Amino acid sequence: MAYRIKSALSVSSPNDVWVSTDSEEYAEIARVFGATVPFLRPKELATETATSADVVLHAINEAEKRGLRYDVLGLLEPTSPYINFSQLTDAAQQLLGDDEAENIVAVRESRPNSYFVQKDSKYLSELAERLSVVQSHARQNFGKEITPSGGFHMAKWIHSKNQKHSLHKKLSVIL
């Protein structure tokens, strides 16, 4: 959490870096590292079924009760800490510079291939046959895919208010 707070503080003022938690212990840690904890999260948003979108909508409503509104809203989850100041700055600039984009997420590259997957079986005969054919192929020749990394998710405030899910139709990505 401390690393995420430091990253956020490098691009925002302490009053604009909010931590949403239901734990007074985590709230105190957040305050020690310079974040604002304007409320403790309600119990219904501290369950296994609560989504990030639910938590973000709660924070938006709390901000608006305080008369606050921003151009960009960022979600930095502490479980994906390795995003630095320049990546956050670049993402915000890319999002604000694209009139059609509604949000932006960090992604990671992977080269998964169903060629290397076999339905459950006692023996891996299908997979063994495929592997014998592709041994001469470099994995770089397989198609590249991207998937959200959890590093960050930013959205234009105007598109976040009425969304029940965190990814919008016009999604930009940043590697």
Protein backbone atom coordinates (compact mmCIF):
# COMPACT_ATOMS: atom_id res chain seq x y z
CA MET A 1 0.00 0.00 0.00
CA ALA A 2 2.83 2.39 0.80
CA TYR A 3 4.33 1.97 -2.67
CA ARG A 4 0.97 2.65 -4.33
CA ILE A 5 0.45 5.75 -2.20
CA LYS A 6 3.94 7.04 -3.09
CA SER A 7 3.21 6.50 -6.79
CA ALA A 8 -0.11 8.34 -6.55
CA LEU A 9 1.41 11.20 -4.55
CA SER A 10 3.99 11.71 -7.28
CA VAL A 11 1.19 12.82 -9.63
CA SER A 12 -1.44 14.20 -7.21
CA SER A 13 -1.70 16.23 -4.03
CA PRO A 14 -2.23 14.40 -0.72
CA ASN A 15 -5.84 15.66 -0.53
CA ASP A 16 -6.52 13.98 -3.87
CA VAL A 17 -5.05 10.58 -3.00
CA TRP A 18 -7.80 8.69 -1.21
CA VAL A 19 -7.60 5.25 0.32
CA SER A 20 -10.82 3.30 0.65
CA THR A 21 -10.69 0.69 3.39
CA ASP A 22 -12.89 -0.78 6.08
CA SER A 23 -9.89 -1.24 8.39
CA GLU A 24 -8.83 1.43 10.86
CA GLU A 25 -5.38 -0.21 10.89
CA TYR A 26 -4.97 0.20 7.11
CA ALA A 27 -6.43 3.69 7.32
CA GLU A 28 -3.72 4.68 9.79
CA ILE A 29 -1.00 3.17 7.58
CA ALA A 30 -2.39 5.13 4.61
CA ARG A 31 -2.33 8.36 6.63
CA VAL A 32 1.27 7.73 7.75
CA PHE A 33 2.32 7.50 4.11
CA GLY A 34 0.50 10.71 3.18
CA ALA A 35 -2.86 9.61 1.77
CA THR A 36 -6.26 10.90 2.79
CA VAL A 37 -8.77 8.49 4.31
CA PRO A 38 -11.97 10.53 4.23
CA PHE A 39 -14.20 7.66 5.41
CA LEU A 40 -14.14 4.02 6.39
CA ARG A 41 -15.74 1.86 3.75
CA PRO A 42 -19.21 0.57 4.67
CA LYS A 43 -19.40 -3.09 5.66
CA GLU A 44 -21.39 -4.03 2.51
CA LEU A 45 -18.40 -2.87 0.44
CA ALA A 46 -15.94 -4.95 2.44
CA THR A 47 -17.19 -8.36 1.40
CA GLU A 48 -16.08 -11.08 -1.00
CA THR A 49 -18.89 -10.06 -3.37
CA ALA A 50 -18.19 -6.32 -3.44
CA THR A 51 -16.57 -5.26 -6.70
CA SER A 52 -13.96 -2.61 -7.40
CA ALA A 53 -16.63 -0.77 -9.38
CA ASP A 54 -18.88 -0.68 -6.28
CA VAL A 55 -16.03 0.74 -4.21
CA VAL A 56 -15.17 3.34 -6.86
CA LEU A 57 -18.80 4.47 -7.17
CA HIS A 58 -18.93 4.85 -3.39
CA ALA A 59 -15.78 7.01 -3.46
CA ILE A 60 -17.21 9.12 -6.32
CA ASN A 61 -20.38 9.73 -4.32
CA GLU A 62 -18.34 10.65 -1.23
CA ALA A 63 -16.24 13.08 -3.28
CA GLU A 64 -19.32 14.73 -4.76
CA LYS A 65 -20.84 15.11 -1.27
CA ARG A 66 -17.72 17.15 -0.48
CA GLY A 67 -18.14 19.25 -3.63
CA LEU A 68 -15.20 17.56 -5.38
CA ARG A 69 -15.02 16.56 -9.02
CA TYR A 70 -11.98 15.57 -11.07
CA ASP A 71 -11.07 15.15 -14.73
CA VAL A 72 -9.64 11.67 -14.15
CA LEU A 73 -10.31 9.04 -11.53
CA GLY A 74 -7.59 6.47 -10.89
CA LEU A 75 -7.84 3.07 -9.24
CA LEU A 76 -4.53 1.80 -7.90
CA GLU A 77 -5.01 -1.49 -6.11
CA PRO A 78 -2.29 -2.43 -3.60
CA THR A 79 -2.14 -5.98 -4.96
CA SER A 80 -0.44 -4.69 -8.14
CA PRO A 81 2.16 -2.25 -6.83
CA TYR A 82 4.74 -1.98 -9.60
CA ILE A 83 3.63 1.12 -11.45
CA ASN A 84 5.78 4.23 -11.30
CA PHE A 85 5.20 7.95 -11.55
CA SER A 86 5.99 8.24 -15.27
CA GLN A 87 3.60 5.43 -16.18
CA LEU A 88 0.78 7.14 -14.28
CA THR A 89 1.59 10.50 -15.85
CA ASP A 90 1.79 9.02 -19.36
CA ALA A 91 -1.52 7.19 -18.88
CA ALA A 92 -3.35 10.30 -17.65
CA GLN A 93 -1.96 12.37 -20.54
CA GLN A 94 -2.89 9.68 -23.06
CA LEU A 95 -6.41 9.42 -21.66
CA LEU A 96 -7.00 13.17 -21.57
CA GLY A 97 -5.48 13.57 -25.03
CA ASP A 98 -7.96 11.18 -26.65
CA ASP A 99 -11.45 12.67 -26.89
CA GLU A 100 -13.01 9.29 -27.67
CA ALA A 101 -11.30 7.26 -24.94
CA GLU A 102 -13.29 6.80 -21.75
CA ASN A 103 -10.67 4.97 -19.70
CA ILE A 104 -7.22 3.44 -19.80
CA VAL A 105 -5.71 0.37 -18.15
CA ALA A 106 -2.24 -1.04 -17.73
CA VAL A 107 -1.75 -4.27 -19.63
CA ARG A 108 0.88 -6.93 -19.90
CA GLU A 109 1.93 -8.95 -22.90
CA SER A 110 1.73 -12.69 -23.02
CA ARG A 111 2.03 -15.33 -25.67
CA PRO A 112 -0.47 -17.92 -24.54
CA ASN A 113 -1.54 -20.39 -27.14
CA SER A 114 -4.30 -22.95 -27.03
CA TYR A 115 -1.92 -25.14 -28.99
CA PHE A 116 -0.30 -25.93 -25.64
CA VAL A 117 -3.55 -26.78 -23.86
CA GLN A 118 -5.31 -30.11 -23.78
CA LYS A 119 -8.62 -31.02 -22.24
CA ASP A 120 -8.35 -33.02 -19.07
CA SER A 121 -7.15 -36.54 -19.75
CA LYS A 122 -5.21 -39.31 -18.06
CA TYR A 123 -2.42 -38.94 -20.62
CA LEU A 124 -1.16 -35.85 -22.42
CA SER A 125 -1.10 -37.55 -25.81
CA GLU A 126 -2.64 -34.62 -27.76
CA LEU A 127 -0.21 -32.18 -26.18
CA ALA A 128 2.78 -34.48 -26.79
CA GLU A 129 1.88 -34.76 -30.46
CA ARG A 130 1.56 -31.00 -30.84
CA LEU A 131 4.84 -30.38 -29.02
CA SER A 132 6.72 -32.74 -31.33
CA VAL A 133 5.52 -30.66 -34.29
CA VAL A 134 6.36 -27.23 -32.86
CA GLN A 135 9.77 -27.94 -31.35
CA SER A 136 11.40 -26.18 -34.27
CA HIS A 137 9.25 -23.04 -33.82
CA ALA A 138 10.36 -20.20 -31.55
CA ARG A 139 7.68 -19.08 -29.13
CA GLN A 140 8.13 -15.53 -30.46
CA ASN A 141 6.38 -16.74 -33.61
CA PHE A 142 3.16 -17.34 -31.70
CA GLY A 143 0.62 -14.53 -31.58
CA LYS A 144 0.96 -11.91 -28.88
CA GLU A 145 -1.98 -11.14 -26.62
CA ILE A 146 -2.50 -8.49 -23.99
CA THR A 147 -4.46 -8.68 -20.77
CA PRO A 148 -5.13 -6.11 -18.03
CA SER A 149 -2.31 -6.31 -15.50
CA GLY A 150 -4.07 -4.67 -12.57
CA GLY A 151 -1.37 -2.00 -12.50
CA PHE A 152 -3.87 0.84 -12.76
CA HIS A 153 -7.21 1.77 -14.17
CA MET A 154 -8.02 5.39 -14.94
CA ALA A 155 -11.29 6.75 -16.26
CA LYS A 156 -12.62 10.13 -17.16
CA TRP A 157 -14.80 11.24 -14.26
CA ILE A 158 -17.73 11.95 -16.56
CA HIS A 159 -17.83 8.29 -17.68
CA SER A 160 -17.34 6.81 -14.21
CA LYS A 161 -20.32 8.23 -12.38
CA ASN A 162 -23.01 6.03 -13.87
CA GLN A 163 -21.02 2.91 -14.65
CA LYS A 164 -21.70 -0.34 -12.80
CA HIS A 165 -18.62 -2.00 -14.27
CA SER A 166 -15.07 -0.76 -14.38
CA LEU A 167 -14.27 -1.12 -18.09
CA HIS A 168 -16.05 1.15 -20.50
CA LYS A 169 -16.75 0.72 -24.20
CA LYS A 170 -13.95 3.03 -25.37
CA LEU A 171 -10.96 1.52 -23.61
CA SER A 172 -7.36 2.51 -24.25
CA VAL A 173 -4.41 0.46 -23.12
CA ILE A 174 -0.88 1.28 -22.12
CA LEU A 175 1.97 -1.22 -21.94
